[in-house]
PDB file of all heavy atoms in Angstrom:
ATOM      1  N   GLN A   1     -19.163 -62.751  21.349  1.00  0.00           N
ATOM      2  CA  GLN A   1     -17.822 -62.262  21.028  1.00  0.00           C
ATOM      3  C   GLN A   1     -17.821 -61.501  19.712  1.00  0.00           C
ATOM      4  O   GLN A   1     -17.171 -60.476  19.582  1.00  0.00           O
ATOM      5  CB  GLN A   1     -16.839 -63.426  20.965  1.00  0.00           C
ATOM      6  CG  GLN A   1     -16.511 -64.007  22.316  1.00  0.00           C
ATOM      7  CD  GLN A   1     -15.612 -65.225  22.209  1.00  0.00           C
ATOM      8  OE1 GLN A   1     -15.325 -65.723  21.121  1.00  0.00           O
ATOM      9  NE2 GLN A   1     -15.170 -65.727  23.361  1.00  0.00           N
ATOM     10  N   ALA A   2     -18.573 -61.986  18.727  1.00  0.00           N
ATOM     11  CA  ALA A   2     -18.647 -61.294  17.434  1.00  0.00           C
ATOM     12  C   ALA A   2     -19.298 -59.938  17.608  1.00  0.00           C
ATOM     13  O   ALA A   2     -18.846 -58.939  17.033  1.00  0.00           O
ATOM     14  CB  ALA A   2     -19.427 -62.128  16.424  1.00  0.00           C
ATOM     15  N   ASN A   3     -20.371 -59.872  18.400  1.00  0.00           N
ATOM     16  CA  ASN A   3     -21.048 -58.587  18.625  1.00  0.00           C
ATOM     17  C   ASN A   3     -20.149 -57.616  19.376  1.00  0.00           C
ATOM     18  O   ASN A   3     -20.138 -56.424  19.098  1.00  0.00           O
ATOM     19  CB  ASN A   3     -22.362 -58.796  19.386  1.00  0.00           C
ATOM     20  CG  ASN A   3     -23.423 -59.437  18.524  1.00  0.00           C
ATOM     21  OD1 ASN A   3     -23.357 -59.357  17.305  1.00  0.00           O
ATOM     22  ND2 ASN A   3     -24.393 -60.090  19.156  1.00  0.00           N
ATOM     23  N   GLN A   4     -19.359 -58.108  20.349  1.00  0.00           N
ATOM     24  CA  GLN A   4     -18.445 -57.233  21.074  1.00  0.00           C
ATOM     25  C   GLN A   4     -17.352 -56.719  20.155  1.00  0.00           C
ATOM     26  O   GLN A   4     -16.946 -55.568  20.247  1.00  0.00           O
ATOM     27  CB  GLN A   4     -17.829 -57.986  22.248  1.00  0.00           C
ATOM     28  CG  GLN A   4     -18.803 -58.215  23.380  1.00  0.00           C
ATOM     29  CD  GLN A   4     -18.214 -59.096  24.471  1.00  0.00           C
ATOM     30  OE1 GLN A   4     -17.090 -59.592  24.349  1.00  0.00           O
ATOM     31  NE2 GLN A   4     -18.972 -59.288  25.541  1.00  0.00           N
ATOM     32  N   GLY A   5     -16.875 -57.553  19.238  1.00  0.00           N
ATOM     33  CA  GLY A   5     -15.863 -57.115  18.277  1.00  0.00           C
ATOM     34  C   GLY A   5     -16.392 -56.016  17.380  1.00  0.00           C
ATOM     35  O   GLY A   5     -15.709 -55.046  17.090  1.00  0.00           O
ATOM     36  N   ASN A   6     -17.648 -56.145  16.921  1.00  0.00           N
ATOM     37  CA  ASN A   6     -18.246 -55.116  16.069  1.00  0.00           C
ATOM     38  C   ASN A   6     -18.401 -53.812  16.818  1.00  0.00           C
ATOM     39  O   ASN A   6     -18.137 -52.743  16.288  1.00  0.00           O
ATOM     40  CB  ASN A   6     -19.606 -55.583  15.527  1.00  0.00           C
ATOM     41  CG  ASN A   6     -19.461 -56.659  14.479  1.00  0.00           C
ATOM     42  OD1 ASN A   6     -18.400 -56.808  13.896  1.00  0.00           O
ATOM     43  ND2 ASN A   6     -20.524 -57.413  14.265  1.00  0.00           N
ATOM     44  N   SER A   7     -18.842 -53.861  18.080  1.00  0.00           N
ATOM     45  CA  SER A   7     -19.022 -52.618  18.828  1.00  0.00           C
ATOM     46  C   SER A   7     -17.680 -51.977  19.137  1.00  0.00           C
ATOM     47  O   SER A   7     -17.559 -50.767  19.182  1.00  0.00           O
ATOM     48  CB  SER A   7     -19.821 -52.865  20.107  1.00  0.00           C
ATOM     49  OG  SER A   7     -19.099 -53.695  20.989  1.00  0.00           O
ATOM     50  N   ALA A   8     -16.630 -52.794  19.331  1.00  0.00           N
ATOM     51  CA  ALA A   8     -15.303 -52.235  19.562  1.00  0.00           C
ATOM     52  C   ALA A   8     -14.822 -51.493  18.327  1.00  0.00           C
ATOM     53  O   ALA A   8     -14.223 -50.423  18.430  1.00  0.00           O
ATOM     54  CB  ALA A   8     -14.316 -53.332  19.941  1.00  0.00           C
ATOM     55  N   ASN A   9     -15.071 -52.047  17.122  1.00  0.00           N
ATOM     56  CA  ASN A   9     -14.681 -51.359  15.895  1.00  0.00           C
ATOM     57  C   ASN A   9     -15.450 -50.058  15.738  1.00  0.00           C
ATOM     58  O   ASN A   9     -14.903 -49.053  15.311  1.00  0.00           O
ATOM     59  CB  ASN A   9     -14.923 -52.252  14.676  1.00  0.00           C
ATOM     60  CG  ASN A   9     -13.940 -53.396  14.614  1.00  0.00           C
ATOM     61  OD1 ASN A   9     -12.892 -53.334  15.239  1.00  0.00           O
ATOM     62  ND2 ASN A   9     -14.285 -54.436  13.880  1.00  0.00           N
ATOM     63  N   GLN A  10     -16.733 -50.060  16.071  1.00  0.00           N
ATOM     64  CA  GLN A  10     -17.529 -48.848  15.969  1.00  0.00           C
ATOM     65  C   GLN A  10     -17.045 -47.810  16.970  1.00  0.00           C
ATOM     66  O   GLN A  10     -16.988 -46.639  16.670  1.00  0.00           O
ATOM     67  CB  GLN A  10     -19.008 -49.157  16.182  1.00  0.00           C
ATOM     68  CG  GLN A  10     -19.617 -49.952  15.051  1.00  0.00           C
ATOM     69  CD  GLN A  10     -21.033 -50.408  15.353  1.00  0.00           C
ATOM     70  OE1 GLN A  10     -21.504 -50.292  16.470  1.00  0.00           O
ATOM     71  NE2 GLN A  10     -21.704 -50.941  14.351  1.00  0.00           N
ATOM     72  N   GLU A  11     -16.688 -48.235  18.167  1.00  0.00           N
ATOM     73  CA  GLU A  11     -16.197 -47.289  19.160  1.00  0.00           C
ATOM     74  C   GLU A  11     -14.884 -46.671  18.721  1.00  0.00           C
ATOM     75  O   GLU A  11     -14.674 -45.484  18.903  1.00  0.00           O
ATOM     76  CB  GLU A  11     -16.028 -47.990  20.504  1.00  0.00           C
ATOM     77  CG  GLU A  11     -17.335 -48.349  21.180  1.00  0.00           C
ATOM     78  CD  GLU A  11     -17.130 -49.175  22.443  1.00  0.00           C
ATOM     79  OE1 GLU A  11     -15.974 -49.452  22.801  1.00  0.00           O
ATOM     80  OE2 GLU A  11     -18.128 -49.556  23.048  1.00  0.00           O
ATOM     81  N   SER A  12     -14.002 -47.462  18.145  1.00  0.00           N
ATOM     82  CA  SER A  12     -12.723 -46.897  17.727  1.00  0.00           C
ATOM     83  C   SER A  12     -12.926 -45.889  16.597  1.00  0.00           C
ATOM     84  O   SER A  12     -12.248 -44.878  16.560  1.00  0.00           O
ATOM     85  CB  SER A  12     -11.757 -48.002  17.305  1.00  0.00           C
ATOM     86  OG  SER A  12     -12.205 -48.653  16.142  1.00  0.00           O
ATOM     87  N   PHE A  13     -13.869 -46.144  15.689  1.00  0.00           N
ATOM     88  CA  PHE A  13     -14.155 -45.167  14.641  1.00  0.00           C
ATOM     89  C   PHE A  13     -14.750 -43.910  15.251  1.00  0.00           C
ATOM     90  O   PHE A  13     -14.367 -42.794  14.898  1.00  0.00           O
ATOM     91  CB  PHE A  13     -15.109 -45.748  13.593  1.00  0.00           C
ATOM     92  CG  PHE A  13     -15.505 -44.753  12.530  1.00  0.00           C
ATOM     93  CD1 PHE A  13     -14.604 -44.408  11.538  1.00  0.00           C
ATOM     94  CD2 PHE A  13     -16.752 -44.152  12.542  1.00  0.00           C
ATOM     95  CE1 PHE A  13     -14.940 -43.482  10.576  1.00  0.00           C
ATOM     96  CE2 PHE A  13     -17.099 -43.230  11.588  1.00  0.00           C
ATOM     97  CZ  PHE A  13     -16.194 -42.898  10.587  1.00  0.00           C
ATOM     98  N   THR A  14     -15.662 -44.075  16.204  1.00  0.00           N
ATOM     99  CA  THR A  14     -16.268 -42.928  16.876  1.00  0.00           C
ATOM    100  C   THR A  14     -15.202 -42.136  17.620  1.00  0.00           C
ATOM    101  O   THR A  14     -15.200 -40.903  17.580  1.00  0.00           O
ATOM    102  CB  THR A  14     -17.361 -43.399  17.864  1.00  0.00           C
ATOM    103  OG1 THR A  14     -18.315 -44.172  17.148  1.00  0.00           O
ATOM    104  CG2 THR A  14     -18.046 -42.234  18.531  1.00  0.00           C
ATOM    105  N   ASP A  15     -14.302 -42.834  18.284  1.00  0.00           N
ATOM    106  CA  ASP A  15     -13.217 -42.152  18.983  1.00  0.00           C
ATOM    107  C   ASP A  15     -12.345 -41.362  18.015  1.00  0.00           C
ATOM    108  O   ASP A  15     -11.925 -40.248  18.307  1.00  0.00           O
ATOM    109  CB  ASP A  15     -12.339 -43.151  19.744  1.00  0.00           C
ATOM    110  CG  ASP A  15     -13.060 -43.739  20.951  1.00  0.00           C
ATOM    111  OD1 ASP A  15     -14.060 -43.142  21.396  1.00  0.00           O
ATOM    112  OD2 ASP A  15     -12.617 -44.796  21.429  1.00  0.00           O
ATOM    113  N   LYS A  16     -12.086 -41.951  16.837  1.00  0.00           N
ATOM    114  CA  LYS A  16     -11.272 -41.254  15.842  1.00  0.00           C
ATOM    115  C   LYS A  16     -11.955 -39.962  15.386  1.00  0.00           C
ATOM    116  O   LYS A  16     -11.309 -38.934  15.233  1.00  0.00           O
ATOM    117  CB  LYS A  16     -11.009 -42.148  14.637  1.00  0.00           C
ATOM    118  CG  LYS A  16     -10.018 -43.245  14.909  1.00  0.00           C
ATOM    119  CD  LYS A  16      -9.802 -44.115  13.681  1.00  0.00           C
ATOM    120  CE  LYS A  16      -8.871 -45.253  13.971  1.00  0.00           C
ATOM    121  NZ  LYS A  16      -8.685 -46.122  12.802  1.00  0.00           N
ATOM    122  N   VAL A  17     -13.248 -40.028  15.170  1.00  0.00           N
ATOM    123  CA  VAL A  17     -13.984 -38.834  14.736  1.00  0.00           C
ATOM    124  C   VAL A  17     -13.996 -37.784  15.835  1.00  0.00           C
ATOM    125  O   VAL A  17     -13.778 -36.593  15.590  1.00  0.00           O
ATOM    126  CB  VAL A  17     -15.421 -39.198  14.291  1.00  0.00           C
ATOM    127  CG1 VAL A  17     -16.252 -37.961  14.054  1.00  0.00           C
ATOM    128  CG2 VAL A  17     -15.381 -40.057  13.044  1.00  0.00           C
ATOM    129  N   GLN A  18     -14.230 -38.223  17.082  1.00  0.00           N
ATOM    130  CA  GLN A  18     -14.269 -37.279  18.194  1.00  0.00           C
ATOM    131  C   GLN A  18     -12.897 -36.670  18.463  1.00  0.00           C
ATOM    132  O   GLN A  18     -12.794 -35.532  18.899  1.00  0.00           O
ATOM    133  CB  GLN A  18     -14.798 -37.962  19.446  1.00  0.00           C
ATOM    134  CG  GLN A  18     -16.277 -38.257  19.378  1.00  0.00           C
ATOM    135  CD  GLN A  18     -16.773 -39.048  20.579  1.00  0.00           C
ATOM    136  OE1 GLN A  18     -15.988 -39.592  21.345  1.00  0.00           O
ATOM    137  NE2 GLN A  18     -18.085 -39.105  20.723  1.00  0.00           N
ATOM    138  N   ASN A  19     -11.852 -37.434  18.207  1.00  0.00           N
ATOM    139  CA  ASN A  19     -10.497 -36.943  18.462  1.00  0.00           C
ATOM    140  C   ASN A  19      -9.869 -36.256  17.259  1.00  0.00           C
ATOM    141  O   ASN A  19      -8.689 -35.940  17.285  1.00  0.00           O
ATOM    142  CB  ASN A  19      -9.612 -38.100  18.925  1.00  0.00           C
ATOM    143  CG  ASN A  19     -10.025 -38.624  20.274  1.00  0.00           C
ATOM    144  OD1 ASN A  19     -10.494 -37.870  21.117  1.00  0.00           O
ATOM    145  ND2 ASN A  19      -9.861 -39.912  20.479  1.00  0.00           N
ATOM    146  N   LEU A  20     -10.643 -36.033  16.218  1.00  0.00           N
ATOM    147  CA  LEU A  20     -10.109 -35.418  15.007  1.00  0.00           C
ATOM    148  C   LEU A  20      -9.518 -34.039  15.284  1.00  0.00           C
ATOM    149  O   LEU A  20      -8.515 -33.654  14.715  1.00  0.00           O
ATOM    150  CB  LEU A  20     -11.209 -35.314  13.945  1.00  0.00           C
ATOM    151  CG  LEU A  20     -10.783 -34.902  12.553  1.00  0.00           C
ATOM    152  CD1 LEU A  20      -9.800 -35.922  11.983  1.00  0.00           C
ATOM    153  CD2 LEU A  20     -11.983 -34.800  11.637  1.00  0.00           C
ATOM    154  N   ASN A  21     -10.138 -33.291  16.187  1.00  0.00           N
ATOM    155  CA  ASN A  21      -9.657 -31.945  16.485  1.00  0.00           C
ATOM    156  C   ASN A  21      -8.693 -31.926  17.673  1.00  0.00           C
ATOM    157  O   ASN A  21      -8.331 -30.867  18.147  1.00  0.00           O
ATOM    158  CB  ASN A  21     -10.832 -30.990  16.736  1.00  0.00           C
ATOM    159  CG  ASN A  21     -10.413 -29.539  16.653  1.00  0.00           C
ATOM    160  OD1 ASN A  21      -9.448 -29.207  15.965  1.00  0.00           O
ATOM    161  ND2 ASN A  21     -11.106 -28.678  17.359  1.00  0.00           N
ATOM    162  N   ASN A  22      -8.266 -33.088  18.151  1.00  0.00           N
ATOM    163  CA  ASN A  22      -7.253 -33.142  19.196  1.00  0.00           C
ATOM    164  C   ASN A  22      -5.880 -33.055  18.536  1.00  0.00           C
ATOM    165  O   ASN A  22      -5.156 -34.031  18.442  1.00  0.00           O
ATOM    166  CB  ASN A  22      -7.383 -34.423  20.023  1.00  0.00           C
ATOM    167  CG  ASN A  22      -8.544 -34.361  20.973  1.00  0.00           C
ATOM    168  OD1 ASN A  22      -9.096 -33.295  21.220  1.00  0.00           O
ATOM    169  ND2 ASN A  22      -8.925 -35.500  21.503  1.00  0.00           N
ATOM    170  N   THR A  23      -5.554 -31.873  18.080  1.00  0.00           N
ATOM    171  CA  THR A  23      -4.293 -31.648  17.382  1.00  0.00           C
ATOM    172  C   THR A  23      -3.329 -30.906  18.299  1.00  0.00           C
ATOM    173  O   THR A  23      -3.701 -30.468  19.387  1.00  0.00           O
ATOM    174  CB  THR A  23      -4.531 -30.833  16.095  1.00  0.00           C
ATOM    175  OG1 THR A  23      -5.184 -29.607  16.436  1.00  0.00           O
ATOM    176  CG2 THR A  23      -5.400 -31.599  15.118  1.00  0.00           C
ATOM    177  N   ALA A  24      -2.115 -30.748  17.836  1.00  0.00           N
ATOM    178  CA  ALA A  24      -1.078 -30.094  18.642  1.00  0.00           C
ATOM    179  C   ALA A  24      -1.484 -28.657  18.984  1.00  0.00           C
ATOM    180  O   ALA A  24      -1.871 -27.889  18.115  1.00  0.00           O
ATOM    181  CB  ALA A  24       0.239 -30.105  17.881  1.00  0.00           C
ATOM    182  N   ASP A  25      -1.392 -28.347  20.259  1.00  0.00           N
ATOM    183  CA  ASP A  25      -1.699 -26.997  20.743  1.00  0.00           C
ATOM    184  C   ASP A  25      -0.394 -26.362  21.203  1.00  0.00           C
ATOM    185  O   ASP A  25       0.186 -26.759  22.205  1.00  0.00           O
ATOM    186  CB  ASP A  25      -2.698 -27.066  21.893  1.00  0.00           C
ATOM    187  CG  ASP A  25      -3.197 -25.697  22.329  1.00  0.00           C
ATOM    188  OD1 ASP A  25      -2.629 -24.679  21.878  1.00  0.00           O
ATOM    189  OD2 ASP A  25      -4.156 -25.654  23.113  1.00  0.00           O
ATOM    190  N   THR A  26       0.074 -25.386  20.440  1.00  0.00           N
ATOM    191  CA  THR A  26       1.348 -24.726  20.748  1.00  0.00           C
ATOM    192  C   THR A  26       1.143 -23.306  21.263  1.00  0.00           C
ATOM    193  O   THR A  26       2.020 -22.468  21.123  1.00  0.00           O
ATOM    194  CB  THR A  26       2.238 -24.699  19.491  1.00  0.00           C
ATOM    195  OG1 THR A  26       1.530 -24.017  18.444  1.00  0.00           O
ATOM    196  CG2 THR A  26       2.596 -26.101  19.042  1.00  0.00           C
ATOM    197  N   THR A  27       0.006 -23.060  21.879  1.00  0.00           N
ATOM    198  CA  THR A  27      -0.313 -21.718  22.366  1.00  0.00           C
ATOM    199  C   THR A  27       0.731 -21.230  23.363  1.00  0.00           C
ATOM    200  O   THR A  27       1.063 -20.038  23.381  1.00  0.00           O
ATOM    201  CB  THR A  27      -1.712 -21.710  23.018  1.00  0.00           C
ATOM    202  OG1 THR A  27      -2.646 -22.255  22.085  1.00  0.00           O
ATOM    203  CG2 THR A  27      -2.142 -20.315  23.389  1.00  0.00           C
ATOM    204  N   ALA A  28       1.268 -22.118  24.181  1.00  0.00           N
ATOM    205  CA  ALA A  28       2.241 -21.726  25.196  1.00  0.00           C
ATOM    206  C   ALA A  28       3.536 -21.186  24.585  1.00  0.00           C
ATOM    207  O   ALA A  28       4.300 -20.490  25.269  1.00  0.00           O
ATOM    208  CB  ALA A  28       2.552 -22.908  26.098  1.00  0.00           C
ATOM    209  N   ASP A  29       3.797 -21.472  23.320  1.00  0.00           N
ATOM    210  CA  ASP A  29       5.016 -20.995  22.660  1.00  0.00           C
ATOM    211  C   ASP A  29       4.933 -19.536  22.230  1.00  0.00           C
ATOM    212  O   ASP A  29       5.927 -18.977  21.767  1.00  0.00           O
ATOM    213  CB  ASP A  29       5.309 -21.847  21.420  1.00  0.00           C
ATOM    214  CG  ASP A  29       5.600 -23.295  21.757  1.00  0.00           C
ATOM    215  OD1 ASP A  29       5.845 -23.591  22.938  1.00  0.00           O
ATOM    216  OD2 ASP A  29       5.570 -24.128  20.835  1.00  0.00           O
ATOM    217  N   PHE A  30       3.762 -18.913  22.366  1.00  0.00           N
ATOM    218  CA  PHE A  30       3.568 -17.552  21.885  1.00  0.00           C
ATOM    219  C   PHE A  30       3.434 -16.581  23.045  1.00  0.00           C
ATOM    220  O   PHE A  30       2.952 -16.932  24.125  1.00  0.00           O
ATOM    221  CB  PHE A  30       2.318 -17.479  20.996  1.00  0.00           C
ATOM    222  CG  PHE A  30       2.431 -18.320  19.750  1.00  0.00           C
ATOM    223  CD1 PHE A  30       1.951 -19.615  19.724  1.00  0.00           C
ATOM    224  CD2 PHE A  30       3.033 -17.811  18.611  1.00  0.00           C
ATOM    225  CE1 PHE A  30       2.056 -20.403  18.591  1.00  0.00           C
ATOM    226  CE2 PHE A  30       3.149 -18.584  17.467  1.00  0.00           C
ATOM    227  CZ  PHE A  30       2.663 -19.880  17.460  1.00  0.00           C
ATOM    228  N   ASP A  31       3.855 -15.350  22.806  1.00  0.00           N
ATOM    229  CA  ASP A  31       3.764 -14.286  23.795  1.00  0.00           C
ATOM    230  C   ASP A  31       2.292 -13.909  23.993  1.00  0.00           C
ATOM    231  O   ASP A  31       1.599 -13.621  23.016  1.00  0.00           O
ATOM    232  CB  ASP A  31       4.574 -13.083  23.300  1.00  0.00           C
ATOM    233  CG  ASP A  31       4.564 -11.928  24.257  1.00  0.00           C
ATOM    234  OD1 ASP A  31       4.380 -12.155  25.470  1.00  0.00           O
ATOM    235  OD2 ASP A  31       4.745 -10.780  23.797  1.00  0.00           O
ATOM    236  N   PRO A  32       1.797 -13.885  25.241  1.00  0.00           N
ATOM    237  CA  PRO A  32       0.394 -13.540  25.481  1.00  0.00           C
ATOM    238  C   PRO A  32      -0.001 -12.158  24.946  1.00  0.00           C
ATOM    239  O   PRO A  32      -1.125 -11.969  24.486  1.00  0.00           O
ATOM    240  CB  PRO A  32       0.253 -13.598  27.002  1.00  0.00           C
ATOM    241  CG  PRO A  32       1.340 -14.522  27.451  1.00  0.00           C
ATOM    242  CD  PRO A  32       2.461 -14.323  26.465  1.00  0.00           C
ATOM    243  N   SER A  33       0.912 -11.205  24.964  1.00  0.00           N
ATOM    244  CA  SER A  33       0.582  -9.885  24.421  1.00  0.00           C
ATOM    245  C   SER A  33       0.476  -9.922  22.898  1.00  0.00           C
ATOM    246  O   SER A  33      -0.338  -9.208  22.305  1.00  0.00           O
ATOM    247  CB  SER A  33       1.611  -8.837  24.867  1.00  0.00           C
ATOM    248  OG  SER A  33       2.886  -9.155  24.345  1.00  0.00           O
ATOM    249  N   ASP A  34       1.287 -10.761  22.254  1.00  0.00           N
ATOM    250  CA  ASP A  34       1.201 -10.948  20.804  1.00  0.00           C
ATOM    251  C   ASP A  34      -0.154 -11.562  20.440  1.00  0.00           C
ATOM    252  O   ASP A  34      -0.814 -11.122  19.503  1.00  0.00           O
ATOM    253  CB  ASP A  34       2.341 -11.854  20.329  1.00  0.00           C
ATOM    254  CG  ASP A  34       2.360 -12.058  18.817  1.00  0.00           C
ATOM    255  OD1 ASP A  34       1.754 -11.255  18.080  1.00  0.00           O
ATOM    256  OD2 ASP A  34       2.999 -13.038  18.379  1.00  0.00           O
ATOM    257  N   ILE A  35      -0.569 -12.541  21.216  1.00  0.00           N
ATOM    258  CA  ILE A  35      -1.870 -13.178  20.971  1.00  0.00           C
ATOM    259  C   ILE A  35      -2.991 -12.167  21.146  1.00  0.00           C
ATOM    260  O   ILE A  35      -3.880 -12.049  20.294  1.00  0.00           O
ATOM    261  CB  ILE A  35      -2.073 -14.387  21.914  1.00  0.00           C
ATOM    262  CG1 ILE A  35      -1.072 -15.494  21.571  1.00  0.00           C
ATOM    263  CG2 ILE A  35      -3.501 -14.909  21.838  1.00  0.00           C
ATOM    264  CD1 ILE A  35      -1.056 -16.650  22.560  1.00  0.00           C
ATOM    265  N   ALA A  36      -2.959 -11.425  22.237  1.00  0.00           N
ATOM    266  CA  ALA A  36      -4.033 -10.469  22.541  1.00  0.00           C
ATOM    267  C   ALA A  36      -4.143  -9.385  21.478  1.00  0.00           C
ATOM    268  O   ALA A  36      -5.253  -8.977  21.104  1.00  0.00           O
ATOM    269  CB  ALA A  36      -3.806  -9.846  23.909  1.00  0.00           C
ATOM    270  N   SER A  37      -3.025  -8.915  20.969  1.00  0.00           N
ATOM    271  CA  SER A  37      -3.082  -7.814  20.001  1.00  0.00           C
ATOM    272  C   SER A  37      -3.317  -8.271  18.559  1.00  0.00           C
ATOM    273  O   SER A  37      -3.673  -7.443  17.716  1.00  0.00           O
ATOM    274  CB  SER A  37      -1.796  -6.979  20.077  1.00  0.00           C
ATOM    275  OG  SER A  37      -0.680  -7.766  19.750  1.00  0.00           O
ATOM    276  N   ASN A  38      -3.163  -9.566  18.269  1.00  0.00           N
ATOM    277  CA  ASN A  38      -3.276 -10.009  16.876  1.00  0.00           C
ATOM    278  C   ASN A  38      -4.314 -11.089  16.627  1.00  0.00           C
ATOM    279  O   ASN A  38      -4.432 -11.572  15.500  1.00  0.00           O
ATOM    280  CB  ASN A  38      -1.911 -10.508  16.389  1.00  0.00           C
ATOM    281  CG  ASN A  38      -0.928  -9.377  16.227  1.00  0.00           C
ATOM    282  OD1 ASN A  38      -1.168  -8.451  15.469  1.00  0.00           O
ATOM    283  ND2 ASN A  38       0.154  -9.447  16.977  1.00  0.00           N
ATOM    284  N   LYS A  39      -5.095 -11.462  17.636  1.00  0.00           N
ATOM    285  CA  LYS A  39      -6.063 -12.533  17.384  1.00  0.00           C
ATOM    286  C   LYS A  39      -7.215 -12.074  16.509  1.00  0.00           C
ATOM    287  O   LYS A  39      -7.768 -12.865  15.759  1.00  0.00           O
ATOM    288  CB  LYS A  39      -6.547 -13.181  18.678  1.00  0.00           C
ATOM    289  CG  LYS A  39      -7.322 -12.331  19.612  1.00  0.00           C
ATOM    290  CD  LYS A  39      -7.658 -13.167  20.854  1.00  0.00           C
ATOM    291  CE  LYS A  39      -8.354 -12.339  21.899  1.00  0.00           C
ATOM    292  NZ  LYS A  39      -8.641 -13.114  23.096  1.00  0.00           N
ATOM    293  N   GLY A  40      -7.564 -10.800  16.536  1.00  0.00           N
ATOM    294  CA  GLY A  40      -8.632 -10.300  15.670  1.00  0.00           C
ATOM    295  C   GLY A  40      -8.268 -10.372  14.197  1.00  0.00           C
ATOM    296  O   GLY A  40      -9.039 -10.862  13.368  1.00  0.00           O
ATOM    297  N   ILE A  41      -7.088  -9.887  13.866  1.00  0.00           N
ATOM    298  CA  ILE A  41      -6.675  -9.894  12.465  1.00  0.00           C
ATOM    299  C   ILE A  41      -6.314 -11.307  12.002  1.00  0.00           C
ATOM    300  O   ILE A  41      -6.410 -11.628  10.816  1.00  0.00           O
ATOM    301  CB  ILE A  41      -5.506  -8.908  12.212  1.00  0.00           C
ATOM    302  CG1 ILE A  41      -5.384  -8.610  10.721  1.00  0.00           C
ATOM    303  CG2 ILE A  41      -4.217  -9.416  12.799  1.00  0.00           C
ATOM    304  CD1 ILE A  41      -4.574  -7.392  10.397  1.00  0.00           C
ATOM    305  N   SER A  42      -5.931 -12.185  12.939  1.00  0.00           N
ATOM    306  CA  SER A  42      -5.591 -13.566  12.584  1.00  0.00           C
ATOM    307  C   SER A  42      -6.803 -14.347  12.092  1.00  0.00           C
ATOM    308  O   SER A  42      -6.655 -15.320  11.353  1.00  0.00           O
ATOM    309  CB  SER A  42      -4.963 -14.285  13.781  1.00  0.00           C
ATOM    310  OG  SER A  42      -3.720 -13.694  14.097  1.00  0.00           O
ATOM    311  N   VAL A  43      -7.987 -13.921  12.488  1.00  0.00           N
ATOM    312  CA  VAL A  43      -9.220 -14.573  12.020  1.00  0.00           C
ATOM    313  C   VAL A  43      -9.315 -14.498  10.499  1.00  0.00           C
ATOM    314  O   VAL A  43      -9.778 -15.430   9.848  1.00  0.00           O
ATOM    315  CB  VAL A  43     -10.455 -13.923  12.691  1.00  0.00           C
ATOM    316  CG1 VAL A  43     -11.739 -14.349  12.029  1.00  0.00           C
ATOM    317  CG2 VAL A  43     -10.480 -14.259  14.174  1.00  0.00           C
TER     318      VAL A  43
END
């Protein structure tokens, strides 16, 4: 049980690191033509 608890804590930390870039994606709120014409300069 102690070993399972330790691996669960490690998994949750690993999940947090892997999910760090799972942030809000609001791409659908923008006009596709606006995205296409301005993604180069947005870099």
